[in-house]
Amino acid sequence: MGSADGSGPLTPTNSVLQTTTGTTLSATNVVGVDPGVVTPFTATVLIETSRTFPTFRQAVIVVQPVSLNQMGDYHLASSASPASNRGAGARTFGGITVTAPTVDIDGNARSTTQPDIGADEIP
């Protein structure tokens, strides 16, 4: 996600967000809830202080490759997901209308007026 003009806060709409930090609020967003995916992949990072420099936090991040079947399944688990039917079929930006895709990541048909948020449409 980015800012079209490269400045100012992000302005996401029709999104499931964990926090609104650094964004402009929109009533179309769902905030602070689990999006309800089949199997999330949990990644955590813990940066501890160094014994010799207690105020300095060295940030060395090591990446461990994981096989594709362990990276999570981000399909929506059910129609009870907060992402269900919360998308927008089209949006207009600066006079140009952008239409949402008509099929999801699996090739399933999507609603043209109120699709699910994200790449997956619940069949």
PDB file of N, CA and C in Angstrom:
ATOM      1  N   MET A   1       0.852  -1.155   0.000  1.00  0.00           N
ATOM      2  CA  MET A   1       0.000   0.000   0.000  1.00  0.00           C
ATOM      3  C   MET A   1       0.904   1.225   0.000  1.00  0.00           C
ATOM      4  N   GLY A   2       0.533   2.232  -0.682  1.00  0.00           N
ATOM      5  CA  GLY A   2       1.336   3.443  -0.742  1.00  0.00           C
ATOM      6  C   GLY A   2       0.466   4.664  -0.875  1.00  0.00           C
ATOM      7  N   SER A   3       1.102   5.789  -0.938  1.00  0.00           N
ATOM      8  CA  SER A   3       0.405   7.047  -1.096  1.00  0.00           C
ATOM      9  C   SER A   3       0.625   7.518  -2.528  1.00  0.00           C
ATOM     10  N   ALA A   4      -0.437   7.846  -3.229  1.00  0.00           N
ATOM     11  CA  ALA A   4      -0.346   8.183  -4.646  1.00  0.00           C
ATOM     12  C   ALA A   4       0.579   9.362  -4.915  1.00  0.00           C
ATOM     13  N   ASP A   5       0.562  10.343  -4.044  1.00  0.00           N
ATOM     14  CA  ASP A   5       1.400  11.517  -4.297  1.00  0.00           C
ATOM     15  C   ASP A   5       2.721  11.454  -3.535  1.00  0.00           C
ATOM     16  N   GLY A   6       2.963  10.374  -2.807  1.00  0.00           N
ATOM     17  CA  GLY A   6       4.234  10.209  -2.109  1.00  0.00           C
ATOM     18  C   GLY A   6       4.344  10.970  -0.805  1.00  0.00           C
ATOM     19  N   SER A   7       3.279  11.636  -0.371  1.00  0.00           N
ATOM     20  CA  SER A   7       3.356  12.373   0.882  1.00  0.00           C
ATOM     21  C   SER A   7       2.053  12.218   1.658  1.00  0.00           C
ATOM     22  N   GLY A   8       2.144  12.442   2.951  1.00  0.00           N
ATOM     23  CA  GLY A   8       0.956  12.373   3.785  1.00  0.00           C
ATOM     24  C   GLY A   8       0.646  10.956   4.220  1.00  0.00           C
ATOM     25  N   PRO A   9      -0.378  10.812   5.062  1.00  0.00           N
ATOM     26  CA  PRO A   9      -0.728   9.476   5.562  1.00  0.00           C
ATOM     27  C   PRO A   9      -1.403   8.627   4.488  1.00  0.00           C
ATOM     28  N   LEU A  10      -1.344   7.320   4.679  1.00  0.00           N
ATOM     29  CA  LEU A  10      -2.038   6.404   3.774  1.00  0.00           C
ATOM     30  C   LEU A  10      -3.536   6.533   3.997  1.00  0.00           C
ATOM     31  N   THR A  11      -4.318   6.305   2.970  1.00  0.00           N
ATOM     32  CA  THR A  11      -5.772   6.406   3.092  1.00  0.00           C
ATOM     33  C   THR A  11      -6.443   5.128   2.596  1.00  0.00           C
ATOM     34  N   PRO A  12      -6.233   4.007   3.309  1.00  0.00           N
ATOM     35  CA  PRO A  12      -6.869   2.760   2.869  1.00  0.00           C
ATOM     36  C   PRO A  12      -8.381   2.815   3.047  1.00  0.00           C
ATOM     37  N   THR A  13      -9.079   2.171   2.138  1.00  0.00           N
ATOM     38  CA  THR A  13     -10.536   2.038   2.228  1.00  0.00           C
ATOM     39  C   THR A  13     -10.896   0.585   1.980  1.00  0.00           C
ATOM     40  N   ASN A  14     -12.050   0.171   2.473  1.00  0.00           N
ATOM     41  CA  ASN A  14     -12.533  -1.198   2.289  1.00  0.00           C
ATOM     42  C   ASN A  14     -11.439  -2.206   2.639  1.00  0.00           C
ATOM     43  N   SER A  15     -10.856  -2.053   3.830  1.00  0.00           N
ATOM     44  CA  SER A  15      -9.739  -2.894   4.261  1.00  0.00           C
ATOM     45  C   SER A  15      -9.964  -3.444   5.658  1.00  0.00           C
ATOM     46  N   VAL A  16      -9.343  -4.588   5.951  1.00  0.00           N
ATOM     47  CA  VAL A  16      -9.294  -5.119   7.308  1.00  0.00           C
ATOM     48  C   VAL A  16      -7.912  -4.755   7.835  1.00  0.00           C
ATOM     49  N   LEU A  17      -7.858  -3.876   8.841  1.00  0.00           N
ATOM     50  CA  LEU A  17      -6.597  -3.374   9.373  1.00  0.00           C
ATOM     51  C   LEU A  17      -6.412  -3.801  10.820  1.00  0.00           C
ATOM     52  N   GLN A  18      -5.172  -4.035  11.219  1.00  0.00           N
ATOM     53  CA  GLN A  18      -4.884  -4.348  12.612  1.00  0.00           C
ATOM     54  C   GLN A  18      -4.742  -3.076  13.435  1.00  0.00           C
ATOM     55  N   THR A  19      -4.291  -1.996  12.814  1.00  0.00           N
ATOM     56  CA  THR A  19      -4.122  -0.709  13.487  1.00  0.00           C
ATOM     57  C   THR A  19      -4.355   0.412  12.474  1.00  0.00           C
ATOM     58  N   THR A  20      -4.639   1.595  12.972  1.00  0.00           N
ATOM     59  CA  THR A  20      -4.826   2.737  12.073  1.00  0.00           C
ATOM     60  C   THR A  20      -3.657   3.713  12.156  1.00  0.00           C
ATOM     61  N   THR A  21      -2.578   3.313  12.810  1.00  0.00           N
ATOM     62  CA  THR A  21      -1.403   4.177  12.932  1.00  0.00           C
ATOM     63  C   THR A  21      -0.874   4.543  11.548  1.00  0.00           C
ATOM     64  N   GLY A  22      -0.705   5.839  11.299  1.00  0.00           N
ATOM     65  CA  GLY A  22      -0.177   6.316  10.026  1.00  0.00           C
ATOM     66  C   GLY A  22      -1.186   6.325   8.895  1.00  0.00           C
ATOM     67  N   THR A  23      -2.468   6.187   9.225  1.00  0.00           N
ATOM     68  CA  THR A  23      -3.490   6.183   8.181  1.00  0.00           C
ATOM     69  C   THR A  23      -4.558   7.224   8.467  1.00  0.00           C
ATOM     70  N   THR A  24      -5.299   7.577   7.443  1.00  0.00           N
ATOM     71  CA  THR A  24      -6.477   8.418   7.589  1.00  0.00           C
ATOM     72  C   THR A  24      -7.663   7.483   7.777  1.00  0.00           C
ATOM     73  N   LEU A  25      -8.488   7.750   8.773  1.00  0.00           N
ATOM     74  CA  LEU A  25      -9.607   6.863   9.082  1.00  0.00           C
ATOM     75  C   LEU A  25     -10.651   6.862   7.971  1.00  0.00           C
ATOM     76  N   SER A  26     -11.259   5.691   7.767  1.00  0.00           N
ATOM     77  CA  SER A  26     -12.345   5.554   6.805  1.00  0.00           C
ATOM     78  C   SER A  26     -13.396   4.634   7.414  1.00  0.00           C
ATOM     79  N   ALA A  27     -14.648   5.001   7.305  1.00  0.00           N
ATOM     80  CA  ALA A  27     -15.738   4.188   7.849  1.00  0.00           C
ATOM     81  C   ALA A  27     -15.885   2.860   7.109  1.00  0.00           C
ATOM     82  N   THR A  28     -15.244   2.725   5.930  1.00  0.00           N
ATOM     83  CA  THR A  28     -15.344   1.475   5.179  1.00  0.00           C
ATOM     84  C   THR A  28     -14.367   0.411   5.673  1.00  0.00           C
ATOM     85  N   ASN A  29     -13.450   0.782   6.576  1.00  0.00           N
ATOM     86  CA  ASN A  29     -12.466  -0.163   7.096  1.00  0.00           C
ATOM     87  C   ASN A  29     -13.000  -0.904   8.317  1.00  0.00           C
ATOM     88  N   VAL A  30     -12.473  -2.109   8.536  1.00  0.00           N
ATOM     89  CA  VAL A  30     -12.738  -2.884   9.745  1.00  0.00           C
ATOM     90  C   VAL A  30     -11.401  -2.922  10.480  1.00  0.00           C
ATOM     91  N   VAL A  31     -11.376  -2.461  11.742  1.00  0.00           N
ATOM     92  CA  VAL A  31     -10.105  -2.298  12.448  1.00  0.00           C
ATOM     93  C   VAL A  31     -10.034  -3.175  13.697  1.00  0.00           C
ATOM     94  N   GLY A  32      -8.847  -3.783  13.900  1.00  0.00           N
ATOM     95  CA  GLY A  32      -8.551  -4.492  15.132  1.00  0.00           C
ATOM     96  C   GLY A  32      -9.219  -5.836  15.300  1.00  0.00           C
ATOM     97  N   VAL A  33      -9.584  -6.485  14.206  1.00  0.00           N
ATOM     98  CA  VAL A  33     -10.218  -7.799  14.291  1.00  0.00           C
ATOM     99  C   VAL A  33      -9.443  -8.797  13.441  1.00  0.00           C
ATOM    100  N   ASP A  34      -9.587 -10.055  13.771  1.00  0.00           N
ATOM    101  CA  ASP A  34      -8.968 -11.133  13.005  1.00  0.00           C
ATOM    102  C   ASP A  34      -9.699 -11.240  11.670  1.00  0.00           C
ATOM    103  N   PRO A  35      -8.982 -11.212  10.541  1.00  0.00           N
ATOM    104  CA  PRO A  35      -9.658 -11.278   9.255  1.00  0.00           C
ATOM    105  C   PRO A  35     -10.298 -12.636   8.950  1.00  0.00           C
ATOM    106  N   GLY A  36      -9.993 -13.657   9.746  1.00  0.00           N
ATOM    107  CA  GLY A  36     -10.640 -14.949   9.565  1.00  0.00           C
ATOM    108  C   GLY A  36     -10.115 -15.746   8.391  1.00  0.00           C
ATOM    109  N   VAL A  37      -8.781 -15.888   8.303  1.00  0.00           N
ATOM    110  CA  VAL A  37      -8.202 -16.710   7.249  1.00  0.00           C
ATOM    111  C   VAL A  37      -8.079 -18.154   7.737  1.00  0.00           C
ATOM    112  N   VAL A  38      -7.887 -19.082   6.809  1.00  0.00           N
ATOM    113  CA  VAL A  38      -7.839 -20.502   7.154  1.00  0.00           C
ATOM    114  C   VAL A  38      -6.662 -20.800   8.086  1.00  0.00           C
ATOM    115  N   THR A  39      -5.430 -20.467   7.683  1.00  0.00           N
ATOM    116  CA  THR A  39      -4.247 -20.747   8.497  1.00  0.00           C
ATOM    117  C   THR A  39      -3.261 -19.595   8.370  1.00  0.00           C
ATOM    118  N   PRO A  40      -3.197 -18.701   9.340  1.00  0.00           N
ATOM    119  CA  PRO A  40      -2.222 -17.612   9.257  1.00  0.00           C
ATOM    120  C   PRO A  40      -0.810 -18.112   9.548  1.00  0.00           C
ATOM    121  N   PHE A  41       0.177 -17.427   9.017  1.00  0.00           N
ATOM    122  CA  PHE A  41       1.587 -17.718   9.305  1.00  0.00           C
ATOM    123  C   PHE A  41       2.052 -16.657  10.285  1.00  0.00           C
ATOM    124  N   THR A  42       2.405 -17.073  11.478  1.00  0.00           N
ATOM    125  CA  THR A  42       2.809 -16.129  12.510  1.00  0.00           C
ATOM    126  C   THR A  42       4.303 -15.884  12.433  1.00  0.00           C
ATOM    127  N   ALA A  43       4.692 -14.638  12.308  1.00  0.00           N
ATOM    128  CA  ALA A  43       6.095 -14.252  12.296  1.00  0.00           C
ATOM    129  C   ALA A  43       6.301 -13.219  13.401  1.00  0.00           C
ATOM    130  N   THR A  44       7.277 -13.453  14.252  1.00  0.00           N
ATOM    131  CA  THR A  44       7.560 -12.508  15.322  1.00  0.00           C
ATOM    132  C   THR A  44       9.026 -12.113  15.290  1.00  0.00           C
ATOM    133  N   VAL A  45       9.294 -10.920  15.757  1.00  0.00           N
ATOM    134  CA  VAL A  45      10.660 -10.419  15.857  1.00  0.00           C
ATOM    135  C   VAL A  45      10.837  -9.860  17.255  1.00  0.00           C
ATOM    136  N   LEU A  46      11.895 -10.284  17.934  1.00  0.00           N
ATOM    137  CA  LEU A  46      12.216  -9.792  19.276  1.00  0.00           C
ATOM    138  C   LEU A  46      13.613  -9.218  19.238  1.00  0.00           C
ATOM    139  N   ILE A  47      13.733  -7.944  19.561  1.00  0.00           N
ATOM    140  CA  ILE A  47      15.046  -7.295  19.588  1.00  0.00           C
ATOM    141  C   ILE A  47      15.348  -6.941  21.038  1.00  0.00           C
ATOM    142  N   GLU A  48      16.386  -7.576  21.595  1.00  0.00           N
ATOM    143  CA  GLU A  48      16.748  -7.365  22.991  1.00  0.00           C
ATOM    144  C   GLU A  48      17.949  -6.448  23.088  1.00  0.00           C
ATOM    145  N   THR A  49      18.111  -5.828  24.247  1.00  0.00           N
ATOM    146  CA  THR A  49      19.248  -4.932  24.452  1.00  0.00           C
ATOM    147  C   THR A  49      20.536  -5.728  24.581  1.00  0.00           C
ATOM    148  N   SER A  50      21.642  -5.091  24.231  1.00  0.00           N
ATOM    149  CA  SER A  50      22.963  -5.694  24.371  1.00  0.00           C
ATOM    150  C   SER A  50      23.454  -5.477  25.797  1.00  0.00           C
ATOM    151  N   ARG A  51      24.155  -6.465  26.365  1.00  0.00           N
ATOM    152  CA  ARG A  51      24.656  -6.314  27.746  1.00  0.00           C
ATOM    153  C   ARG A  51      25.693  -5.202  27.852  1.00  0.00           C
ATOM    154  N   THR A  52      26.494  -5.022  26.809  1.00  0.00           N
ATOM    155  CA  THR A  52      27.536  -3.996  26.889  1.00  0.00           C
ATOM    156  C   THR A  52      27.014  -2.598  26.586  1.00  0.00           C
ATOM    157  N   PHE A  53      25.947  -2.501  25.835  1.00  0.00           N
ATOM    158  CA  PHE A  53      25.339  -1.205  25.517  1.00  0.00           C
ATOM    159  C   PHE A  53      23.835  -1.291  25.779  1.00  0.00           C
ATOM    160  N   PRO A  54      23.393  -1.137  27.041  1.00  0.00           N
ATOM    161  CA  PRO A  54      21.974  -1.345  27.367  1.00  0.00           C
ATOM    162  C   PRO A  54      21.008  -0.408  26.644  1.00  0.00           C
ATOM    163  N   THR A  55      21.464   0.751  26.186  1.00  0.00           N
ATOM    164  CA  THR A  55      20.549   1.652  25.486  1.00  0.00           C
ATOM    165  C   THR A  55      20.577   1.450  23.972  1.00  0.00           C
ATOM    166  N   PHE A  56      21.494   0.613  23.493  1.00  0.00           N
ATOM    167  CA  PHE A  56      21.606   0.353  22.058  1.00  0.00           C
ATOM    168  C   PHE A  56      20.924  -0.968  21.725  1.00  0.00           C
ATOM    169  N   ARG A  57      20.036  -0.943  20.786  1.00  0.00           N
ATOM    170  CA  ARG A  57      19.355  -2.165  20.356  1.00  0.00           C
ATOM    171  C   ARG A  57      19.824  -2.517  18.952  1.00  0.00           C
ATOM    172  N   GLN A  58      20.671  -3.527  18.908  1.00  0.00           N
ATOM    173  CA  GLN A  58      21.171  -3.981  17.623  1.00  0.00           C
ATOM    174  C   GLN A  58      20.074  -4.766  16.921  1.00  0.00           C
ATOM    175  N   ALA A  59      19.810  -4.434  15.689  1.00  0.00           N
ATOM    176  CA  ALA A  59      18.723  -5.097  14.963  1.00  0.00           C
ATOM    177  C   ALA A  59      19.293  -5.952  13.838  1.00  0.00           C
ATOM    178  N   VAL A  60      19.519  -7.204  14.146  1.00  0.00           N
ATOM    179  CA  VAL A  60      19.946  -8.164  13.139  1.00  0.00           C
ATOM    180  C   VAL A  60      18.784  -9.123  12.944  1.00  0.00           C
ATOM    181  N   ILE A  61      18.221  -9.137  11.776  1.00  0.00           N
ATOM    182  CA  ILE A  61      17.069  -9.996  11.509  1.00  0.00           C
ATOM    183  C   ILE A  61      17.517 -11.126  10.589  1.00  0.00           C
ATOM    184  N   VAL A  62      17.296 -12.340  11.040  1.00  0.00           N
ATOM    185  CA  VAL A  62      17.667 -13.524  10.274  1.00  0.00           C
ATOM    186  C   VAL A  62      16.393 -14.101   9.664  1.00  0.00           C
ATOM    187  N   VAL A  63      16.432 -14.390   8.390  1.00  0.00           N
ATOM    188  CA  VAL A  63      15.265 -14.922   7.701  1.00  0.00           C
ATOM    189  C   VAL A  63      15.434 -16.429   7.520  1.00  0.00           C
ATOM    190  N   GLN A  64      14.429 -17.166   7.927  1.00  0.00           N
ATOM    191  CA  GLN A  64      14.438 -18.616   7.757  1.00  0.00           C
ATOM    192  C   GLN A  64      13.464 -18.984   6.645  1.00  0.00           C
ATOM    193  N   PRO A  65      13.965 -19.502   5.528  1.00  0.00           N
ATOM    194  CA  PRO A  65      13.038 -19.891   4.463  1.00  0.00           C
ATOM    195  C   PRO A  65      12.127 -21.035   4.913  1.00  0.00           C
ATOM    196  N   VAL A  66      10.882 -20.968   4.515  1.00  0.00           N
ATOM    197  CA  VAL A  66       9.924 -22.014   4.852  1.00  0.00           C
ATOM    198  C   VAL A  66       9.307 -22.537   3.563  1.00  0.00           C
ATOM    199  N   SER A  67       8.946 -23.807   3.579  1.00  0.00           N
ATOM    200  CA  SER A  67       8.327 -24.376   2.382  1.00  0.00           C
ATOM    201  C   SER A  67       6.950 -23.743   2.176  1.00  0.00           C
ATOM    202  N   LEU A  68       6.490 -23.747   0.945  1.00  0.00           N
ATOM    203  CA  LEU A  68       5.233 -23.081   0.604  1.00  0.00           C
ATOM    204  C   LEU A  68       4.042 -23.619   1.387  1.00  0.00           C
ATOM    205  N   ASN A  69       4.024 -24.906   1.714  1.00  0.00           N
ATOM    206  CA  ASN A  69       2.877 -25.453   2.435  1.00  0.00           C
ATOM    207  C   ASN A  69       2.866 -25.059   3.905  1.00  0.00           C
ATOM    208  N   GLN A  70       3.914 -24.401   4.392  1.00  0.00           N
ATOM    209  CA  GLN A  70       3.958 -23.944   5.782  1.00  0.00           C
ATOM    210  C   GLN A  70       3.763 -22.441   5.914  1.00  0.00           C
ATOM    211  N   MET A  71       3.592 -21.735   4.815  1.00  0.00           N
ATOM    212  CA  MET A  71       3.514 -20.278   4.854  1.00  0.00           C
ATOM    213  C   MET A  71       2.128 -19.741   5.143  1.00  0.00           C
ATOM    214  N   GLY A  72       1.185 -20.591   5.424  1.00  0.00           N
ATOM    215  CA  GLY A  72      -0.154 -20.136   5.747  1.00  0.00           C
ATOM    216  C   GLY A  72      -1.095 -20.260   4.572  1.00  0.00           C
ATOM    217  N   ASP A  73      -2.362 -20.307   4.872  1.00  0.00           N
ATOM    218  CA  ASP A  73      -3.415 -20.362   3.863  1.00  0.00           C
ATOM    219  C   ASP A  73      -4.302 -19.144   4.093  1.00  0.00           C
ATOM    220  N   TYR A  74      -4.170 -18.156   3.231  1.00  0.00           N
ATOM    221  CA  TYR A  74      -4.861 -16.887   3.435  1.00  0.00           C
ATOM    222  C   TYR A  74      -6.211 -16.804   2.735  1.00  0.00           C
ATOM    223  N   HIS A  75      -6.794 -17.952   2.411  1.00  0.00           N
ATOM    224  CA  HIS A  75      -8.174 -17.953   1.926  1.00  0.00           C
ATOM    225  C   HIS A  75      -9.076 -17.613   3.115  1.00  0.00           C
ATOM    226  N   LEU A  76     -10.161 -16.942   2.873  1.00  0.00           N
ATOM    227  CA  LEU A  76     -11.100 -16.626   3.948  1.00  0.00           C
ATOM    228  C   LEU A  76     -11.753 -17.912   4.427  1.00  0.00           C
ATOM    229  N   ALA A  77     -11.827 -18.081   5.747  1.00  0.00           N
ATOM    230  CA  ALA A  77     -12.308 -19.330   6.335  1.00  0.00           C
ATOM    231  C   ALA A  77     -13.815 -19.518   6.168  1.00  0.00           C
ATOM    232  N   SER A  78     -14.571 -18.439   6.272  1.00  0.00           N
ATOM    233  CA  SER A  78     -16.029 -18.575   6.166  1.00  0.00           C
ATOM    234  C   SER A  78     -16.651 -17.211   5.874  1.00  0.00           C
ATOM    235  N   SER A  79     -17.938 -17.221   5.642  1.00  0.00           N
ATOM    236  CA  SER A  79     -18.645 -15.956   5.385  1.00  0.00           C
ATOM    237  C   SER A  79     -18.772 -15.113   6.655  1.00  0.00           C
ATOM    238  N   ALA A  80     -18.355 -15.674   7.813  1.00  0.00           N
ATOM    239  CA  ALA A  80     -18.351 -14.905   9.060  1.00  0.00           C
ATOM    240  C   ALA A  80     -17.132 -13.982   9.149  1.00  0.00           C
ATOM    241  N   SER A  81     -16.217 -14.078   8.188  1.00  0.00           N
ATOM    242  CA  SER A  81     -15.033 -13.219   8.171  1.00  0.00           C
ATOM    243  C   SER A  81     -15.444 -11.753   8.065  1.00  0.00           C
ATOM    244  N   PRO A  82     -14.756 -10.856   8.786  1.00  0.00           N
ATOM    245  CA  PRO A  82     -15.080  -9.428   8.640  1.00  0.00           C
ATOM    246  C   PRO A  82     -14.757  -8.885   7.249  1.00  0.00           C
ATOM    247  N   ALA A  83     -14.036  -9.671   6.442  1.00  0.00           N
ATOM    248  CA  ALA A  83     -13.716  -9.252   5.072  1.00  0.00           C
ATOM    249  C   ALA A  83     -14.834  -9.612   4.091  1.00  0.00           C
ATOM    250  N   SER A  84     -15.784 -10.427   4.529  1.00  0.00           N
ATOM    251  CA  SER A  84     -16.849 -10.894   3.651  1.00  0.00           C
ATOM    252  C   SER A  84     -17.782  -9.755   3.230  1.00  0.00           C
ATOM    253  N   ASN A  85     -17.923  -9.578   1.921  1.00  0.00           N
ATOM    254  CA  ASN A  85     -18.817  -8.570   1.333  1.00  0.00           C
ATOM    255  C   ASN A  85     -18.527  -7.144   1.780  1.00  0.00           C
ATOM    256  N   ARG A  86     -17.268  -6.830   2.099  1.00  0.00           N
ATOM    257  CA  ARG A  86     -16.919  -5.479   2.548  1.00  0.00           C
ATOM    258  C   ARG A  86     -16.088  -4.718   1.525  1.00  0.00           C
ATOM    259  N   GLY A  87     -15.818  -5.325   0.371  1.00  0.00           N
ATOM    260  CA  GLY A  87     -15.021  -4.672  -0.656  1.00  0.00           C
ATOM    261  C   GLY A  87     -15.837  -3.696  -1.484  1.00  0.00           C
ATOM    262  N   ALA A  88     -15.181  -3.086  -2.433  1.00  0.00           N
ATOM    263  CA  ALA A  88     -15.844  -2.152  -3.342  1.00  0.00           C
ATOM    264  C   ALA A  88     -15.723  -2.688  -4.762  1.00  0.00           C
ATOM    265  N   GLY A  89     -16.795  -2.664  -5.507  1.00  0.00           N
ATOM    266  CA  GLY A  89     -16.775  -3.135  -6.888  1.00  0.00           C
ATOM    267  C   GLY A  89     -15.991  -2.219  -7.806  1.00  0.00           C
ATOM    268  N   ALA A  90     -15.935  -0.942  -7.463  1.00  0.00           N
ATOM    269  CA  ALA A  90     -15.186   0.043  -8.257  1.00  0.00           C
ATOM    270  C   ALA A  90     -14.918   1.268  -7.387  1.00  0.00           C
ATOM    271  N   ARG A  91     -13.848   1.974  -7.690  1.00  0.00           N
ATOM    272  CA  ARG A  91     -13.512   3.229  -7.008  1.00  0.00           C
ATOM    273  C   ARG A  91     -13.052   4.228  -8.048  1.00  0.00           C
ATOM    274  N   THR A  92     -13.305   5.500  -7.792  1.00  0.00           N
ATOM    275  CA  THR A  92     -12.881   6.548  -8.710  1.00  0.00           C
ATOM    276  C   THR A  92     -11.804   7.390  -8.037  1.00  0.00           C
ATOM    277  N   PHE A  93     -10.677   7.561  -8.743  1.00  0.00           N
ATOM    278  CA  PHE A  93      -9.547   8.346  -8.255  1.00  0.00           C
ATOM    279  C   PHE A  93      -9.199   9.378  -9.314  1.00  0.00           C
ATOM    280  N   GLY A  94      -9.315  10.628  -8.961  1.00  0.00           N
ATOM    281  CA  GLY A  94      -8.959  11.691  -9.896  1.00  0.00           C
ATOM    282  C   GLY A  94      -9.691  11.601 -11.226  1.00  0.00           C
ATOM    283  N   GLY A  95     -10.946  11.190 -11.202  1.00  0.00           N
ATOM    284  CA  GLY A  95     -11.733  11.106 -12.421  1.00  0.00           C
ATOM    285  C   GLY A  95     -11.582   9.804 -13.186  1.00  0.00           C
ATOM    286  N   ILE A  96     -10.729   8.903 -12.706  1.00  0.00           N
ATOM    287  CA  ILE A  96     -10.540   7.618 -13.366  1.00  0.00           C
ATOM    288  C   ILE A  96     -11.153   6.525 -12.505  1.00  0.00           C
ATOM    289  N   THR A  97     -12.044   5.730 -13.061  1.00  0.00           N
ATOM    290  CA  THR A  97     -12.695   4.651 -12.330  1.00  0.00           C
ATOM    291  C   THR A  97     -11.911   3.359 -12.500  1.00  0.00           C
ATOM    292  N   VAL A  98     -11.573   2.745 -11.370  1.00  0.00           N
ATOM    293  CA  VAL A  98     -10.858   1.475 -11.358  1.00  0.00           C
ATOM    294  C   VAL A  98     -11.843   0.414 -10.885  1.00  0.00           C
ATOM    295  N   THR A  99     -12.030  -0.626 -11.684  1.00  0.00           N
ATOM    296  CA  THR A  99     -12.975  -1.691 -11.369  1.00  0.00           C
ATOM    297  C   THR A  99     -12.239  -2.856 -10.714  1.00  0.00           C
ATOM    298  N   ALA A 100     -12.858  -3.444  -9.689  1.00  0.00           N
ATOM    299  CA  ALA A 100     -12.266  -4.595  -9.007  1.00  0.00           C
ATOM    300  C   ALA A 100     -12.222  -5.790  -9.955  1.00  0.00           C
ATOM    301  N   PRO A 101     -11.283  -6.705  -9.739  1.00  0.00           N
ATOM    302  CA  PRO A 101     -11.217  -7.906 -10.582  1.00  0.00           C
ATOM    303  C   PRO A 101     -12.527  -8.700 -10.521  1.00  0.00           C
ATOM    304  N   THR A 102     -12.855  -9.353 -11.610  1.00  0.00           N
ATOM    305  CA  THR A 102     -14.099 -10.135 -11.662  1.00  0.00           C
ATOM    306  C   THR A 102     -13.904 -11.580 -11.219  1.00  0.00           C
ATOM    307  N   VAL A 103     -12.647 -12.015 -11.067  1.00  0.00           N
ATOM    308  CA  VAL A 103     -12.349 -13.350 -10.538  1.00  0.00           C
ATOM    309  C   VAL A 103     -11.318 -13.207  -9.422  1.00  0.00           C
ATOM    310  N   ASP A 104     -11.334 -14.166  -8.465  1.00  0.00           N
ATOM    311  CA  ASP A 104     -10.379 -14.109  -7.362  1.00  0.00           C
ATOM    312  C   ASP A 104      -9.099 -14.874  -7.708  1.00  0.00           C
ATOM    313  N   ILE A 105      -8.234 -15.040  -6.730  1.00  0.00           N
ATOM    314  CA  ILE A 105      -6.934 -15.675  -6.947  1.00  0.00           C
ATOM    315  C   ILE A 105      -7.060 -17.121  -7.412  1.00  0.00           C
ATOM    316  N   ASP A 106      -8.184 -17.769  -7.114  1.00  0.00           N
ATOM    317  CA  ASP A 106      -8.415 -19.156  -7.520  1.00  0.00           C
ATOM    318  C   ASP A 106      -9.220 -19.269  -8.818  1.00  0.00           C
ATOM    319  N   GLY A 107      -9.598 -18.133  -9.400  1.00  0.00           N
ATOM    320  CA  GLY A 107     -10.404 -18.151 -10.616  1.00  0.00           C
ATOM    321  C   GLY A 107     -11.902 -18.180 -10.359  1.00  0.00           C
ATOM    322  N   ASN A 108     -12.306 -18.068  -9.086  1.00  0.00           N
ATOM    323  CA  ASN A 108     -13.735 -18.044  -8.748  1.00  0.00           C
ATOM    324  C   ASN A 108     -14.316 -16.671  -9.060  1.00  0.00           C
ATOM    325  N   ALA A 109     -15.563 -16.630  -9.495  1.00  0.00           N
ATOM    326  CA  ALA A 109     -16.224 -15.357  -9.803  1.00  0.00           C
ATOM    327  C   ALA A 109     -16.374 -14.521  -8.539  1.00  0.00           C
ATOM    328  N   ARG A 110     -16.185 -13.208  -8.691  1.00  0.00           N
ATOM    329  CA  ARG A 110     -16.348 -12.273  -7.568  1.00  0.00           C
ATOM    330  C   ARG A 110     -17.595 -11.437  -7.784  1.00  0.00           C
ATOM    331  N   SER A 111     -18.166 -10.961  -6.692  1.00  0.00           N
ATOM    332  CA  SER A 111     -19.282 -10.026  -6.787  1.00  0.00           C
ATOM    333  C   SER A 111     -18.780  -8.764  -7.475  1.00  0.00           C
ATOM    334  N   THR A 112     -19.576  -8.206  -8.359  1.00  0.00           N
ATOM    335  CA  THR A 112     -19.161  -6.979  -9.042  1.00  0.00           C
ATOM    336  C   THR A 112     -19.556  -5.726  -8.265  1.00  0.00           C
ATOM    337  N   THR A 113     -20.417  -5.873  -7.257  1.00  0.00           N
ATOM    338  CA  THR A 113     -20.848  -4.708  -6.475  1.00  0.00           C
ATOM    339  C   THR A 113     -20.257  -4.694  -5.065  1.00  0.00           C
ATOM    340  N   GLN A 114     -20.154  -5.854  -4.433  1.00  0.00           N
ATOM    341  CA  GLN A 114     -19.647  -5.911  -3.065  1.00  0.00           C
ATOM    342  C   GLN A 114     -18.809  -7.173  -2.849  1.00  0.00           C
ATOM    343  N   PRO A 115     -17.594  -7.211  -3.464  1.00  0.00           N
ATOM    344  CA  PRO A 115     -16.747  -8.394  -3.311  1.00  0.00           C
ATOM    345  C   PRO A 115     -16.168  -8.481  -1.900  1.00  0.00           C
ATOM    346  N   ASP A 116     -15.596  -9.642  -1.578  1.00  0.00           N
ATOM    347  CA  ASP A 116     -14.888  -9.785  -0.309  1.00  0.00           C
ATOM    348  C   ASP A 116     -13.593  -8.980  -0.388  1.00  0.00           C
ATOM    349  N   ILE A 117     -13.119  -8.488   0.763  1.00  0.00           N
ATOM    350  CA  ILE A 117     -11.854  -7.770   0.819  1.00  0.00           C
ATOM    351  C   ILE A 117     -10.724  -8.775   0.613  1.00  0.00           C
ATOM    352  N   GLY A 118      -9.743  -8.445  -0.192  1.00  0.00           N
ATOM    353  CA  GLY A 118      -8.595  -9.321  -0.399  1.00  0.00           C
ATOM    354  C   GLY A 118      -8.673 -10.076  -1.715  1.00  0.00           C
ATOM    355  N   ALA A 119      -7.734 -11.007  -1.888  1.00  0.00           N
ATOM    356  CA  ALA A 119      -7.617 -11.732  -3.148  1.00  0.00           C
ATOM    357  C   ALA A 119      -8.580 -12.904  -3.251  1.00  0.00           C
ATOM    358  N   ASP A 120      -9.194 -13.331  -2.142  1.00  0.00           N
ATOM    359  CA  ASP A 120     -10.065 -14.504  -2.154  1.00  0.00           C
ATOM    360  C   ASP A 120     -11.528 -14.107  -2.006  1.00  0.00           C
ATOM    361  N   GLU A 121     -12.376 -14.719  -2.813  1.00  0.00           N
ATOM    362  CA  GLU A 121     -13.819 -14.542  -2.711  1.00  0.00           C
ATOM    363  C   GLU A 121     -14.390 -15.850  -2.165  1.00  0.00           C
ATOM    364  N   ILE A 122     -15.164 -15.762  -1.094  1.00  0.00           N
ATOM    365  CA  ILE A 122     -15.769 -16.971  -0.531  1.00  0.00           C
ATOM    366  C   ILE A 122     -16.801 -17.477  -1.534  1.00  0.00           C
ATOM    367  N   PRO A 123     -16.677 -18.753  -1.957  1.00  0.00           N
ATOM    368  CA  PRO A 123     -17.649 -19.265  -2.958  1.00  0.00           C
ATOM    369  C   PRO A 123     -19.063 -19.320  -2.430  1.00  0.00           C
TER     370      PRO A 123
END
